[in-house]
Protein backbone atom coordinates (compact mmCIF):
# COMPACT_ATOMS: atom_id res chain seq x y z
CA MET A 1 16.66 18.56 -21.82
CA THR A 2 14.03 16.12 -20.52
CA LYS A 3 12.07 17.30 -17.53
CA LEU A 4 12.72 15.14 -14.47
CA THR A 5 9.71 13.73 -12.63
CA ALA A 6 9.13 11.56 -9.58
CA ILE A 7 9.54 7.79 -9.87
CA ARG A 8 6.33 5.99 -10.82
CA GLY A 9 4.52 4.97 -7.64
CA PHE A 10 6.34 7.59 -5.53
CA LYS A 11 4.35 10.69 -4.62
CA ASP A 12 5.25 14.18 -3.42
CA ILE A 13 3.21 15.32 -0.43
CA LEU A 14 2.77 19.01 -1.14
CA PRO A 15 2.64 21.86 1.42
CA ARG A 16 -1.13 22.23 1.04
CA GLU A 17 -1.48 18.55 2.06
CA THR A 18 0.97 18.28 4.93
CA GLY A 19 -1.24 20.11 7.44
CA LYS A 20 -3.70 17.20 7.43
CA TRP A 21 -0.85 14.71 7.80
CA GLN A 22 0.53 16.67 10.77
CA HIS A 23 -2.94 16.84 12.31
CA VAL A 24 -3.39 13.04 12.18
CA GLU A 25 0.15 12.38 13.43
CA ALA A 26 -0.35 14.84 16.31
CA ILE A 27 -3.49 12.97 17.41
CA ALA A 28 -1.57 9.69 17.20
CA ARG A 29 1.25 11.00 19.39
CA GLN A 30 -1.21 12.40 21.93
CA VAL A 31 -3.24 9.18 22.16
CA PHE A 32 -0.16 6.97 22.28
CA ALA A 33 1.39 9.05 25.04
CA GLY A 34 -1.76 8.50 27.11
CA TYR A 35 -1.20 4.76 26.87
CA GLY A 36 2.52 4.93 27.69
CA ILE A 37 3.67 4.10 24.16
CA HIS A 38 7.10 5.47 23.22
CA GLU A 39 8.36 6.37 19.76
CA ILE A 40 11.18 4.45 18.11
CA LYS A 41 12.80 5.54 14.87
CA ILE A 42 14.08 2.66 12.76
CA PRO A 43 16.26 2.64 9.60
CA LEU A 44 14.76 2.70 6.12
CA LEU A 45 17.30 0.12 5.01
CA GLU A 46 17.82 -3.30 6.59
CA LYS A 47 19.58 -6.55 5.77
CA THR A 48 17.38 -8.55 3.40
CA GLU A 49 17.65 -11.58 5.65
CA LEU A 50 15.62 -9.76 8.33
CA PHE A 51 12.53 -9.68 6.14
CA LYS A 52 13.04 -13.14 4.65
CA ARG A 53 13.10 -14.62 8.13
CA GLY A 54 10.61 -12.27 9.76
CA ILE A 55 7.92 -11.95 7.09
CA GLY A 56 8.34 -15.35 5.44
CA GLU A 57 10.03 -16.34 2.18
CA THR A 58 6.75 -17.55 0.62
CA THR A 59 4.85 -14.30 1.14
CA ASP A 60 4.08 -12.02 -1.80
CA ILE A 61 6.07 -9.26 -0.11
CA VAL A 62 9.33 -11.21 -0.05
CA GLU A 63 8.80 -13.06 -3.33
CA LYS A 64 7.63 -10.18 -5.50
CA GLU A 65 7.43 -6.78 -3.82
CA MET A 66 10.64 -5.90 -1.98
CA TYR A 67 13.18 -3.35 -3.19
CA THR A 68 16.36 -5.39 -2.76
CA PHE A 69 19.86 -4.73 -4.08
CA LEU A 70 23.38 -6.02 -3.66
CA ASP A 71 25.49 -3.49 -1.76
CA ARG A 72 29.13 -2.84 -2.60
CA GLY A 73 30.09 -5.05 0.30
CA ASP A 74 28.37 -8.00 -1.35
CA GLU A 75 25.53 -7.89 1.16
CA TYR A 76 21.88 -7.83 0.14
CA LEU A 77 19.94 -4.87 1.53
CA THR A 78 16.22 -4.05 1.35
CA LEU A 79 14.13 -0.92 1.75
CA ARG A 80 11.79 -1.82 4.59
CA PRO A 81 8.43 -3.15 3.29
CA GLU A 82 6.90 -3.10 6.80
CA ALA A 83 7.95 -2.02 10.29
CA THR A 84 7.33 -4.86 12.75
CA ALA A 85 10.39 -6.95 11.83
CA SER A 86 12.60 -3.85 12.13
CA VAL A 87 11.12 -2.86 15.50
CA ILE A 88 11.67 -6.36 16.88
CA ARG A 89 15.22 -6.41 15.50
CA ALA A 90 15.95 -3.13 17.32
CA TYR A 91 14.21 -4.39 20.46
CA LEU A 92 16.46 -7.47 20.54
CA GLU A 93 19.66 -5.77 19.39
CA HIS A 94 19.48 -3.13 22.12
CA SER A 95 18.40 -5.58 24.85
CA MET A 96 15.17 -3.71 25.57
CA HIS A 97 13.50 -6.83 26.95
CA GLN A 98 13.16 -7.41 30.67
CA PRO A 99 11.53 -10.45 32.30
CA ASP A 100 7.76 -10.10 32.88
CA SER A 101 7.70 -6.54 31.55
CA LEU A 102 5.81 -4.88 28.72
CA THR A 103 7.48 -2.55 26.21
CA LYS A 104 5.17 -0.33 24.15
CA LEU A 105 6.63 1.19 20.98
CA TYR A 106 5.35 3.07 17.94
CA THR A 107 6.88 4.30 14.73
CA ILE A 108 5.62 6.54 11.93
CA GLY A 109 7.25 6.62 8.52
CA PRO A 110 7.56 5.42 4.92
CA MET A 111 7.56 1.79 3.72
CA PHE A 112 8.44 0.50 0.25
CA ARG A 113 6.89 -2.21 -1.91
CA ARG A 114 7.13 -2.63 -5.65
CA GLU A 115 3.41 -3.14 -6.26
CA ARG A 116 1.55 -2.06 -9.38
CA PRO A 117 0.74 1.62 -8.81
CA GLN A 118 -2.99 2.33 -8.80
CA LYS A 119 -5.39 4.73 -7.15
CA GLY A 120 -4.65 4.88 -3.43
CA ARG A 121 -1.67 2.49 -3.64
CA PHE A 122 1.93 3.65 -3.91
CA ARG A 123 5.38 2.08 -4.01
CA GLN A 124 6.41 4.43 -1.23
CA PHE A 125 3.64 4.59 1.33
CA HIS A 126 3.43 5.53 4.99
CA GLN A 127 2.35 3.64 8.08
CA ILE A 128 1.74 4.11 11.76
CA ASN A 129 2.85 0.98 13.63
CA VAL A 130 2.34 0.14 17.30
CA GLU A 131 3.92 -2.87 19.01
CA TYR A 132 3.29 -4.25 22.52
CA ILE A 133 6.17 -6.60 23.33
CA GLY A 134 6.84 -8.75 26.38
CA LEU A 135 3.62 -10.16 27.79
CA LYS A 136 1.18 -12.82 26.59
CA ASP A 137 -2.02 -11.75 28.30
CA PRO A 138 -5.44 -11.35 26.62
CA ARG A 139 -5.82 -8.00 28.41
CA ILE A 140 -2.84 -6.74 26.40
CA ASP A 141 -4.57 -7.75 23.15
CA SER A 142 -7.78 -6.04 24.24
CA GLU A 143 -6.05 -2.85 25.39
CA LEU A 144 -4.18 -2.51 22.10
CA ILE A 145 -7.35 -2.98 20.05
CA ALA A 146 -9.36 -0.60 22.25
CA MET A 147 -6.61 2.02 21.95
CA LEU A 148 -6.62 1.66 18.16
CA MET A 149 -10.40 2.13 18.03
CA HIS A 150 -10.06 5.21 20.26
CA PHE A 151 -7.37 6.71 18.04
CA LEU A 152 -9.35 6.19 14.83
CA SER A 153 -12.43 7.74 16.44
CA ALA A 154 -10.33 10.71 17.59
CA THR A 155 -9.35 11.42 13.98
CA GLY A 156 -13.03 11.79 13.12
CA LEU A 157 -13.68 8.43 11.49
CA THR A 158 -17.21 7.06 11.89
CA GLY A 159 -18.86 3.73 11.24
CA LEU A 160 -15.85 1.82 12.61
CA ARG A 161 -16.25 -1.96 12.52
CA LEU A 162 -13.87 -4.34 14.30
CA GLU A 163 -13.41 -7.90 13.02
CA ILE A 164 -11.43 -10.41 15.07
CA ASN A 165 -10.26 -14.00 14.69
CA SER A 166 -7.81 -16.47 16.16
CA LEU A 167 -5.13 -17.90 13.87
CA GLY A 168 -4.16 -20.64 16.30
CA CYS A 169 -0.57 -21.49 17.14
CA PRO A 170 2.24 -23.73 15.81
CA ARG A 171 0.67 -26.66 17.64
CA CYS A 172 -2.85 -26.48 16.18
CA ARG A 173 -2.50 -24.56 12.91
CA PRO A 174 -0.63 -27.27 10.92
CA ALA A 175 -3.67 -29.58 11.02
CA PHE A 176 -5.85 -26.81 9.61
CA ARG A 177 -3.27 -25.95 6.94
CA ASP A 178 -3.01 -29.58 5.87
CA ASN A 179 -6.80 -29.89 5.66
CA VAL A 180 -7.08 -26.73 3.55
CA LYS A 181 -4.45 -28.08 1.18
CA ARG A 182 -6.19 -31.45 0.91
CA LEU A 183 -9.65 -29.98 0.32
CA LEU A 184 -8.43 -27.57 -2.34
CA GLN A 185 -6.39 -30.04 -4.37
CA ASP A 186 -9.47 -31.05 -6.38
CA LYS A 187 -10.35 -27.38 -6.94
CA LYS A 188 -6.86 -26.32 -7.93
CA ASP A 189 -7.90 -25.42 -11.47
CA THR A 190 -10.45 -22.91 -10.13
CA LEU A 191 -7.77 -20.98 -8.26
CA CYS A 192 -5.87 -18.04 -9.71
CA ALA A 193 -2.22 -18.55 -10.65
CA ASP A 194 -0.97 -16.99 -7.40
CA CYS A 195 -3.23 -19.18 -5.27
CA GLN A 196 -2.20 -22.31 -7.15
CA ARG A 197 1.34 -21.52 -6.09
CA ARG A 198 0.21 -20.67 -2.55
CA LEU A 199 -1.53 -24.04 -2.30
CA GLU A 200 1.89 -25.68 -2.32
CA THR A 201 3.84 -23.13 -0.27
CA ASN A 202 1.38 -21.44 2.13
CA PRO A 203 -2.27 -22.56 1.71
CA LEU A 204 -3.65 -20.18 4.35
CA ARG A 205 -2.68 -17.22 2.15
CA ILE A 206 -5.48 -18.26 -0.23
CA PHE A 207 -7.94 -16.83 2.31
CA ASP A 208 -6.34 -13.42 1.64
CA CYS A 209 -7.10 -13.54 -2.08
CA LYS A 210 -9.84 -11.14 -3.20
CA LYS A 211 -10.57 -12.87 -6.52
CA GLU A 212 -14.13 -14.18 -6.73
CA SER A 213 -13.18 -17.64 -8.05
CA CYS A 214 -10.80 -18.21 -5.13
CA GLN A 215 -13.35 -17.01 -2.58
CA GLU A 216 -15.92 -19.40 -4.07
CA SER A 217 -13.42 -22.28 -3.84
CA ILE A 218 -12.83 -21.80 -0.09
CA ALA A 219 -16.51 -21.14 0.73
CA GLY A 220 -17.22 -24.65 2.01
CA ILE A 221 -13.96 -25.21 3.87
CA PRO A 222 -14.18 -25.43 7.69
CA THR A 223 -12.76 -22.41 9.52
CA ILE A 224 -9.65 -22.34 11.67
CA LEU A 225 -11.78 -21.83 14.79
CA GLU A 226 -12.81 -25.48 14.42
CA TYR A 227 -9.15 -26.51 14.75
CA ILE A 228 -7.60 -24.28 17.40
CA CYS A 229 -6.33 -25.94 20.58
CA ASP A 230 -7.71 -25.39 24.09
CA ASP A 231 -5.05 -22.79 24.96
CA CYS A 232 -5.78 -20.74 21.84
CA SER A 233 -9.51 -21.06 22.38
CA ASP A 234 -9.20 -19.93 25.99
CA HIS A 235 -7.05 -16.95 24.99
CA PHE A 236 -9.54 -15.92 22.31
CA GLU A 237 -12.49 -16.15 24.70
CA LYS A 238 -10.72 -13.93 27.21
CA VAL A 239 -9.87 -11.38 24.52
CA LYS A 240 -13.54 -11.20 23.60
CA ASN A 241 -14.55 -10.85 27.25
CA TYR A 242 -12.07 -8.01 27.88
CA LEU A 243 -13.17 -6.22 24.71
CA ALA A 244 -16.74 -6.39 26.00
CA LEU A 245 -15.54 -5.09 29.39
CA LEU A 246 -14.01 -2.08 27.62
CA GLY A 247 -17.19 -1.50 25.63
CA VAL A 248 -15.60 -2.38 22.28
CA ALA A 249 -18.05 -4.01 19.86
CA TYR A 250 -16.66 -6.65 17.49
CA THR A 251 -17.61 -9.22 14.85
CA ILE A 252 -15.93 -12.60 14.53
CA ASN A 253 -14.60 -13.20 11.02
CA ALA A 254 -13.43 -16.80 11.08
CA ARG A 255 -12.03 -16.56 7.54
CA MET A 256 -9.79 -13.59 8.22
CA VAL A 257 -6.07 -14.30 8.13
CA ARG A 258 -3.14 -11.92 8.14
CA GLY A 259 -0.79 -11.68 5.17
CA LEU A 260 2.45 -12.28 7.09
CA ASP A 261 3.73 -15.60 8.38
CA TYR A 262 4.63 -14.42 11.88
CA TYR A 263 1.04 -13.94 13.13
CA THR A 264 -0.42 -16.28 15.78
CA GLN A 265 -3.65 -16.34 17.80
CA THR A 266 -5.39 -12.94 17.92
CA ALA A 267 -5.85 -11.25 14.53
CA PHE A 268 -7.96 -8.18 13.85
CA GLU A 269 -8.94 -5.70 11.16
CA ILE A 270 -10.86 -2.41 11.36
CA THR A 271 -12.97 -1.05 8.54
CA THR A 272 -14.90 2.18 8.27
CA GLU A 273 -17.98 3.20 6.36
CA SER A 274 -16.58 6.68 5.75
CA LEU A 275 -17.06 7.89 2.18
CA GLY A 276 -20.00 5.49 1.89
CA ALA A 277 -17.98 2.29 1.45
CA GLN A 278 -16.32 -0.37 3.56
CA ASN A 279 -12.65 0.57 3.78
CA ALA A 280 -10.01 -1.40 5.67
CA VAL A 281 -7.99 1.18 7.54
CA ALA A 282 -5.96 -0.85 10.06
CA GLY A 283 -5.05 -4.42 10.92
CA GLY A 284 -2.76 -6.44 13.10
CA GLY A 285 -2.35 -9.39 15.40
CA ARG A 286 -0.23 -11.36 17.81
CA TYR A 287 3.22 -12.64 16.79
CA ASP A 288 4.57 -14.65 19.70
CA GLY A 289 7.22 -16.52 17.71
CA LEU A 290 8.79 -13.61 15.84
CA THR A 291 11.56 -12.89 18.35
CA GLN A 292 12.79 -16.50 18.08
CA ILE A 293 12.66 -16.37 14.27
CA LEU A 294 14.95 -13.32 14.46
CA GLY A 295 17.42 -15.03 16.78
CA GLY A 296 16.22 -13.88 20.20
CA PRO A 297 14.56 -15.57 23.16
CA GLU A 298 10.86 -16.41 23.08
CA ILE A 299 9.09 -13.12 23.80
CA PRO A 300 5.41 -12.59 22.98
CA GLY A 301 4.17 -9.55 21.10
CA ILE A 302 1.19 -8.00 19.38
CA GLY A 303 0.86 -4.98 17.11
CA PHE A 304 -0.91 -3.25 14.26
CA ALA A 305 -0.27 -1.12 11.20
CA ILE A 306 -2.31 1.76 9.80
CA GLY A 307 -1.92 2.93 6.22
CA LEU A 308 -1.58 6.70 6.52
CA GLU A 309 -2.58 7.47 2.93
CA ARG A 310 -5.83 5.55 3.40
CA LEU A 311 -6.49 7.03 6.84
CA ILE A 312 -5.88 10.61 5.74
CA SER A 313 -8.20 10.17 2.75
CA LEU A 314 -10.95 9.11 5.17
CA VAL A 315 -10.43 11.78 7.84
CA PRO A 316 -13.15 14.44 7.47
CA GLY A 317 -12.14 17.80 6.06
CA ASN A 318 -10.38 19.11 2.99
CA TYR A 319 -6.63 19.68 2.92
CA GLU A 320 -7.24 23.42 3.06
CA ASP A 321 -8.99 23.04 6.42
CA PHE A 322 -5.71 21.96 8.03
CA VAL A 323 -3.34 24.56 6.60
CA GLN A 324 -1.73 26.63 9.36
CA SER A 325 -2.30 30.21 8.24
CA PRO A 326 -0.24 33.06 9.71
CA HIS A 327 -1.76 34.78 12.74
CA LEU A 328 -0.56 38.18 11.53
CA PHE A 329 0.48 39.90 8.32
CA ILE A 330 2.54 43.09 8.53
CA ALA A 331 1.99 45.51 5.67
CA ALA A 332 5.08 47.71 5.71
CA LEU A 333 5.36 50.77 3.46
CA GLY A 334 8.73 52.42 2.90
CA GLU A 335 12.32 51.49 3.68
CA ARG A 336 12.18 52.41 7.41
CA ALA A 337 8.91 50.51 7.87
CA GLN A 338 10.29 47.50 6.00
CA GLU A 339 13.32 47.36 8.30
CA PHE A 340 11.13 47.79 11.38
CA ALA A 341 8.71 45.06 10.21
CA PHE A 342 11.60 42.71 9.41
CA ARG A 343 12.85 42.90 13.02
CA LEU A 344 9.31 42.73 14.40
CA CYS A 345 8.46 39.59 12.39
CA ASP A 346 11.46 37.84 13.89
CA ALA A 347 10.46 38.80 17.45
CA LEU A 348 6.84 37.75 16.92
CA ARG A 349 7.80 34.36 15.49
CA LYS A 350 10.06 33.67 18.46
CA ALA A 351 7.12 34.53 20.75
CA GLY A 352 4.91 31.95 19.00
CA ILE A 353 2.95 34.22 16.68
CA ARG A 354 3.04 33.02 13.07
CA SER A 355 3.87 36.20 11.12
CA GLU A 356 4.42 37.14 7.50
CA MET A 357 5.38 40.30 5.62
CA ASP A 358 5.94 41.37 2.03
CA VAL A 359 9.61 42.25 1.55
CA SER A 360 9.03 43.68 -1.94
CA ASP A 361 7.61 46.97 -0.57
CA ARG A 362 4.61 46.91 -2.88
CA SER A 363 1.56 49.14 -2.56
CA LEU A 364 -0.74 48.86 0.45
CA LYS A 365 -3.50 47.49 -1.77
CA SER A 366 -1.23 44.71 -3.08
CA GLN A 367 -0.05 43.82 0.41
CA MET A 368 -3.61 43.66 1.75
CA LYS A 369 -4.51 41.30 -1.09
CA ARG A 370 -1.61 39.07 -0.09
CA SER A 371 -2.81 39.10 3.52
CA ASP A 372 -6.21 37.88 2.27
CA ARG A 373 -4.58 35.12 0.20
CA CYS A 374 -2.64 33.99 3.28
CA ASN A 375 -5.91 33.86 5.27
CA CYS A 376 -4.39 36.06 7.96
CA PRO A 377 -7.00 37.06 10.55
CA HIS A 378 -5.11 40.28 11.42
CA THR A 379 -2.97 42.78 9.54
CA LEU A 380 -0.71 45.38 11.15
CA ILE A 381 -0.19 48.41 8.88
CA ILE A 382 3.07 50.34 9.34
CA GLY A 383 4.38 53.25 7.29
CA GLU A 384 6.54 56.31 7.81
CA ARG A 385 3.73 58.21 9.58
CA GLU A 386 2.98 55.30 11.94
CA LEU A 387 6.65 55.11 12.91
CA ASP A 388 6.74 58.85 13.63
CA ASP A 389 3.48 58.71 15.65
CA GLY A 390 4.46 55.54 17.56
CA THR A 391 1.10 53.90 16.81
CA ALA A 392 -0.14 51.61 14.02
CA PRO A 393 -3.56 50.22 13.09
CA LEU A 394 -4.27 46.53 13.64
CA ARG A 395 -7.01 45.48 11.23
CA ASP A 396 -9.36 42.54 11.80
CA MET A 397 -9.54 41.09 8.29
CA THR A 398 -12.98 39.60 8.88
CA THR A 399 -14.83 42.55 10.41
CA LYS A 400 -12.53 45.24 8.89
CA GLU A 401 -12.47 46.96 12.30
CA GLN A 402 -9.23 48.61 13.36
CA GLU A 403 -7.56 49.56 16.64
CA LEU A 404 -4.37 51.49 17.25
CA LEU A 405 -1.43 49.71 18.87
CA ASP A 406 1.53 51.33 20.56
CA ILE A 407 4.60 50.40 18.50
CA GLY A 408 7.09 52.35 20.60
CA SER A 409 8.89 49.19 21.70
CA THR A 410 9.18 45.70 20.23
CA ASP A 411 8.40 44.05 23.58
CA GLY A 412 5.30 46.19 23.92
CA ILE A 413 3.99 45.23 20.47
CA VAL A 414 4.67 41.54 21.11
CA SER A 415 2.83 41.67 24.44
CA ALA A 416 -0.12 43.52 22.92
CA LEU A 417 -0.41 41.08 20.03
CA LEU A 418 -0.11 38.06 22.31
CA ALA A 419 -3.03 39.47 24.33
CA ARG A 420 -5.17 39.86 21.23
CA ILE A 421 -4.07 36.88 19.11
CA GLY A 422 -2.89 34.40 21.71
CA GLN A 423 0.34 32.47 21.86
CA VAL A 424 0.56 29.07 20.15
CA PRO A 425 2.74 26.67 22.16
CA ALA A 426 5.61 25.00 20.32
CA GLY A 427 4.37 21.87 18.55
CA ASP A 428 0.72 22.90 18.62
CA THR A 429 -1.12 22.57 15.33
CA GLY A 430 -2.76 25.97 15.84
CA GLU A 431 -6.21 27.21 15.01
CA ARG A 432 -8.02 25.73 12.06
């Protein structure tokens, strides 16, 4: 029988890896809580129409990358390729909007795109998304960006570089789009096949293309900052001023655009020099028209997405550094000791002490080897004699020093071990 394997482009995240994921997610939740951002959990599956309207029918995501199928009810459904459209759909559906109020939401979870699998890119990948919805104020843009920079720094990333741009609005961007299309018509043959198609459907997407021939073709084209209206220019200037007020350094990249149609005005991307190379780790922007596109009232918003696979690969430390080892291993010898240790392990775990034991009743030497493999800092040794005496040695596995503990009562042992090892609150990531 053929051995079953994971789908190409889908990856198992193994137990030795998940500690680093939990570490990064814990920092995200802590930072977001400090800024009053609340978690929302959205479905993996949505109506296809949501993404066609929200992302744009001429984007690569909708045209080529979505996992879409016809449900039994003759309705097209899609595995979510990104989170913003789903968050806004939930925001509108549950009437979360209030006049002149700001709603701050975040979500963490998997997204799906049928891209060509390659190193660092998967068909199921994970993102952290944050959305600020309800107010159009340059201070909101600046706060969101400053918070993102703070979060990335808190994970240990260094060499962070912020690039910002303004993408204009529906009033001023059409003139720029038409000019790009006109100027590139004579250079159409120098564009890649995708960009030749984009020239007719969405010319600004050509700025996203990484192919050298396409970048050379747009090199002499005026930037969008030469076309934005007074309102967009004023908003962008205030964003820059507030970033400076918050001490956030930035570089203007007038050729940066975002890959989705719903973006307007402020756009940004953050790269890091970690691992000795420029790596884009997060990006986002303002999307003031998205709520109307999805059938709601006009409500401004701004947000960002972080690719978790990329971020985790850049966070300092090996996977092994984030594994939560047991605080205590109990080496139990004999049937009575095994039964005693079994009850004790349960009591210790409920008290917040990560505990392990060997239920196979192997030799003391074998059990001590297992304690070493588990990286347990302490081992409690219990046998028939220890049970009769009412005391058992607690061994420090680093120094090999031992002290006797009173094991006359379960509560007494738990209290003694809490005093020596320390309780780990529920949800804490523990010692590293």
